[in-house]
Amino acid sequence: MRSTFRFALLFSWAAAIASTATIAVLADRPPDAANQINVTFSETPAVITDHVADLGIRQLILTSSWTLDGFGPVTDVTSVTQDTAVHPCGPGSSSESATRRIVASAGMLVLREGGIQCITASGPVFNGTYVVDGDASTGIFAGADGSGTVTVHVAIPPRPGTTTLSGRLKLAESRHA
């Protein structure tokens, strides 16, 4: 009887320790942030190459720092190409594509973006979509997929613009879930 009690006590201690260890491991793992990217931040133009007069193309490099839910502080470098000879929504509008590199301590997340910039009463606004490039992404983001929308309220340089990313992020290691 006494050994049964000791065995039961030992078993419950072992179970408690194992449960605590499991919870600690799960707590250390970056969450999938409910498989979402929903963030608004400011981006500042770092470099502008203007060939609008001869080629109808403007290239920009934008930089920013912000926090990605579940992954902590990030730095962001985005390369944008604007085709100003294409006017999808009237005079002054342009067609655009971009590659966004979001670098967190857990790895680099790469987004491919495309859309149009239209002139509105409040100034230029870019509306487009993004697709996660899991092949180009690294660390925990390697092999990830997802898609969503991008909205940028463009400011006149050197003032920062306001960018909103909203959509899905599915990490490769959580695809089985």
Protein backbone atom coordinates (compact mmCIF):
# COMPACT_ATOMS: atom_id res chain seq x y z
CA MET A 1 0.00 0.00 0.00
CA ARG A 2 2.81 2.37 0.96
CA SER A 3 4.71 1.66 -2.30
CA THR A 4 1.52 2.24 -4.33
CA PHE A 5 1.15 5.64 -2.69
CA ARG A 6 4.81 6.51 -3.39
CA PHE A 7 4.45 5.34 -6.99
CA ALA A 8 1.32 7.51 -7.45
CA LEU A 9 3.07 10.50 -5.87
CA LEU A 10 6.17 10.00 -8.02
CA PHE A 11 4.02 9.62 -11.14
CA SER A 12 2.10 12.85 -10.43
CA TRP A 13 5.36 14.76 -9.84
CA ALA A 14 6.77 13.44 -13.12
CA ALA A 15 3.56 14.41 -14.92
CA ALA A 16 3.68 17.92 -13.42
CA ILE A 17 7.32 18.39 -14.44
CA ALA A 18 6.64 17.10 -17.98
CA SER A 19 3.62 19.41 -18.32
CA THR A 20 5.66 22.41 -17.13
CA ALA A 21 8.46 21.58 -19.59
CA THR A 22 5.96 21.24 -22.46
CA ILE A 23 4.33 24.57 -21.62
CA ALA A 24 7.76 26.26 -21.46
CA VAL A 25 8.75 24.89 -24.89
CA LEU A 26 5.46 26.01 -26.44
CA ALA A 27 5.76 29.45 -24.84
CA ASP A 28 9.25 29.93 -26.34
CA ARG A 29 8.08 29.09 -29.86
CA PRO A 30 6.98 32.16 -31.87
CA PRO A 31 3.23 31.97 -32.43
CA ASP A 32 1.66 31.93 -35.86
CA ALA A 33 -0.11 35.13 -34.69
CA ALA A 34 -3.41 33.47 -35.56
CA ASN A 35 -2.06 33.09 -39.13
CA GLN A 36 -2.49 36.82 -39.69
CA ILE A 37 -0.48 39.90 -40.56
CA ASN A 38 -2.33 43.05 -39.47
CA VAL A 39 -0.08 46.04 -38.96
CA THR A 40 0.16 49.75 -39.79
CA PHE A 41 3.52 51.53 -39.74
CA SER A 42 5.48 54.44 -41.26
CA GLU A 43 7.99 54.04 -44.09
CA THR A 44 10.64 56.59 -45.02
CA PRO A 45 12.16 56.95 -48.49
CA ALA A 46 15.88 56.16 -48.28
CA VAL A 47 16.73 56.32 -52.02
CA ILE A 48 14.79 57.60 -55.03
CA THR A 49 15.95 57.00 -58.60
CA ASP A 50 13.88 59.06 -61.01
CA HIS A 51 13.81 58.16 -64.71
CA VAL A 52 10.28 59.40 -65.31
CA ALA A 53 11.37 61.92 -67.96
CA ASP A 54 13.26 59.43 -70.16
CA LEU A 55 11.86 55.98 -69.26
CA GLY A 56 8.66 56.62 -67.33
CA ILE A 57 10.07 54.68 -64.36
CA ARG A 58 10.73 55.72 -60.76
CA GLN A 59 12.42 53.40 -58.26
CA LEU A 60 12.29 53.85 -54.51
CA ILE A 61 13.87 52.14 -51.52
CA LEU A 62 11.78 52.55 -48.38
CA THR A 63 12.89 51.68 -44.83
CA SER A 64 11.07 51.26 -41.55
CA SER A 65 11.13 49.60 -38.12
CA TRP A 66 8.05 48.25 -36.40
CA THR A 67 6.73 45.24 -34.46
CA LEU A 68 5.34 42.09 -36.10
CA ASP A 69 2.81 40.41 -33.82
CA GLY A 70 4.31 37.26 -32.34
CA PHE A 71 7.81 37.90 -33.76
CA GLY A 72 8.87 41.14 -32.06
CA PRO A 73 10.74 44.12 -33.50
CA VAL A 74 11.52 44.04 -37.21
CA THR A 75 13.32 46.12 -39.79
CA ASP A 76 11.78 46.49 -43.22
CA VAL A 77 13.39 47.37 -46.55
CA THR A 78 11.11 47.66 -49.56
CA SER A 79 12.18 48.16 -53.18
CA VAL A 80 9.44 49.73 -55.31
CA THR A 81 9.28 50.21 -59.07
CA GLN A 82 6.64 52.63 -60.39
CA ASP A 83 5.66 52.68 -64.06
CA THR A 84 4.40 56.24 -64.41
CA ALA A 85 3.70 55.84 -68.15
CA VAL A 86 0.78 53.55 -67.25
CA HIS A 87 -2.29 55.38 -65.89
CA PRO A 88 -4.67 52.73 -64.50
CA CYS A 89 -6.87 55.24 -62.62
CA GLY A 90 -6.38 58.55 -64.40
CA PRO A 91 -3.68 61.20 -64.77
CA GLY A 92 -0.85 60.95 -62.23
CA SER A 93 -1.58 57.30 -61.41
CA SER A 94 0.92 54.49 -61.85
CA SER A 95 1.36 50.74 -61.89
CA GLU A 96 3.71 49.44 -59.18
CA SER A 97 5.52 46.32 -58.01
CA ALA A 98 7.66 45.81 -54.92
CA THR A 99 9.70 43.34 -52.91
CA ARG A 100 9.45 43.76 -49.13
CA ARG A 101 12.08 42.21 -46.78
CA ILE A 102 10.91 42.02 -43.18
CA VAL A 103 13.79 40.98 -40.90
CA ALA A 104 12.99 39.62 -37.43
CA SER A 105 15.24 37.76 -34.98
CA ALA A 106 13.56 34.51 -36.16
CA GLY A 107 14.38 35.06 -39.86
CA MET A 108 13.49 37.09 -42.93
CA LEU A 109 9.97 37.23 -44.39
CA VAL A 110 9.79 38.22 -48.08
CA LEU A 111 6.61 39.64 -49.60
CA ARG A 112 6.02 40.28 -53.32
CA GLU A 113 3.63 43.17 -53.89
CA GLY A 114 1.80 44.61 -56.87
CA GLY A 115 -0.95 47.15 -57.45
CA ILE A 116 -1.78 50.67 -58.51
CA GLN A 117 -1.24 54.13 -57.09
CA CYS A 118 -4.14 56.54 -57.63
CA ILE A 119 -4.40 60.23 -56.92
CA THR A 120 -7.14 60.93 -54.35
CA ALA A 121 -8.42 64.08 -52.65
CA SER A 122 -6.12 63.31 -49.70
CA GLY A 123 -3.07 62.58 -51.91
CA PRO A 124 -1.57 59.53 -53.62
CA VAL A 125 -2.74 56.14 -52.32
CA PHE A 126 -1.31 52.76 -53.36
CA ASN A 127 -3.67 49.78 -53.16
CA GLY A 128 -2.37 46.33 -53.96
CA THR A 129 -1.86 42.77 -52.86
CA TYR A 130 1.02 40.78 -51.44
CA VAL A 131 2.05 37.15 -51.73
CA VAL A 132 4.47 35.55 -49.25
CA ASP A 133 7.59 34.27 -51.02
CA GLY A 134 8.40 31.26 -48.84
CA ASP A 135 11.28 30.20 -51.11
CA ALA A 136 13.11 33.52 -50.61
CA SER A 137 12.21 33.77 -46.90
CA THR A 138 14.59 32.41 -44.24
CA GLY A 139 14.55 31.04 -40.68
CA ILE A 140 11.09 30.38 -39.27
CA PHE A 141 9.59 32.03 -42.39
CA ALA A 142 11.27 29.61 -44.86
CA GLY A 143 8.59 27.78 -46.82
CA ALA A 144 5.80 30.03 -45.48
CA ASP A 145 2.86 31.03 -47.63
CA GLY A 146 0.05 33.55 -47.47
CA SER A 147 -1.40 36.58 -49.18
CA GLY A 148 -3.16 39.80 -48.36
CA THR A 149 -3.59 43.48 -49.10
CA VAL A 150 -1.26 46.47 -48.96
CA THR A 151 -2.41 50.08 -48.63
CA VAL A 152 0.07 52.96 -48.61
CA HIS A 153 -0.89 56.57 -47.99
CA VAL A 154 2.03 58.17 -49.79
CA ALA A 155 3.66 61.28 -48.33
CA ILE A 156 5.90 63.73 -50.11
CA PRO A 157 9.55 62.78 -49.37
CA PRO A 158 11.27 63.02 -46.95
CA ARG A 159 8.09 62.68 -44.84
CA PRO A 160 7.11 59.06 -44.10
CA GLY A 161 4.13 57.37 -45.70
CA THR A 162 1.73 55.15 -43.78
CA THR A 163 1.60 51.48 -44.81
CA THR A 164 -0.98 48.87 -43.78
CA LEU A 165 -0.47 45.13 -44.38
CA SER A 166 -3.43 42.86 -43.78
CA GLY A 167 -3.78 39.17 -44.62
CA ARG A 168 -2.59 35.62 -44.07
CA LEU A 169 0.76 34.23 -42.95
CA LYS A 170 1.06 30.46 -42.74
CA LEU A 171 4.38 29.17 -41.41
CA ALA A 172 5.66 25.97 -43.03
CA GLU A 173 6.07 24.20 -39.68
CA SER A 174 2.41 24.84 -38.83
CA ARG A 175 0.90 23.62 -42.11
CA HIS A 176 0.09 20.24 -40.60
CA ALA A 177 -2.13 21.93 -37.98
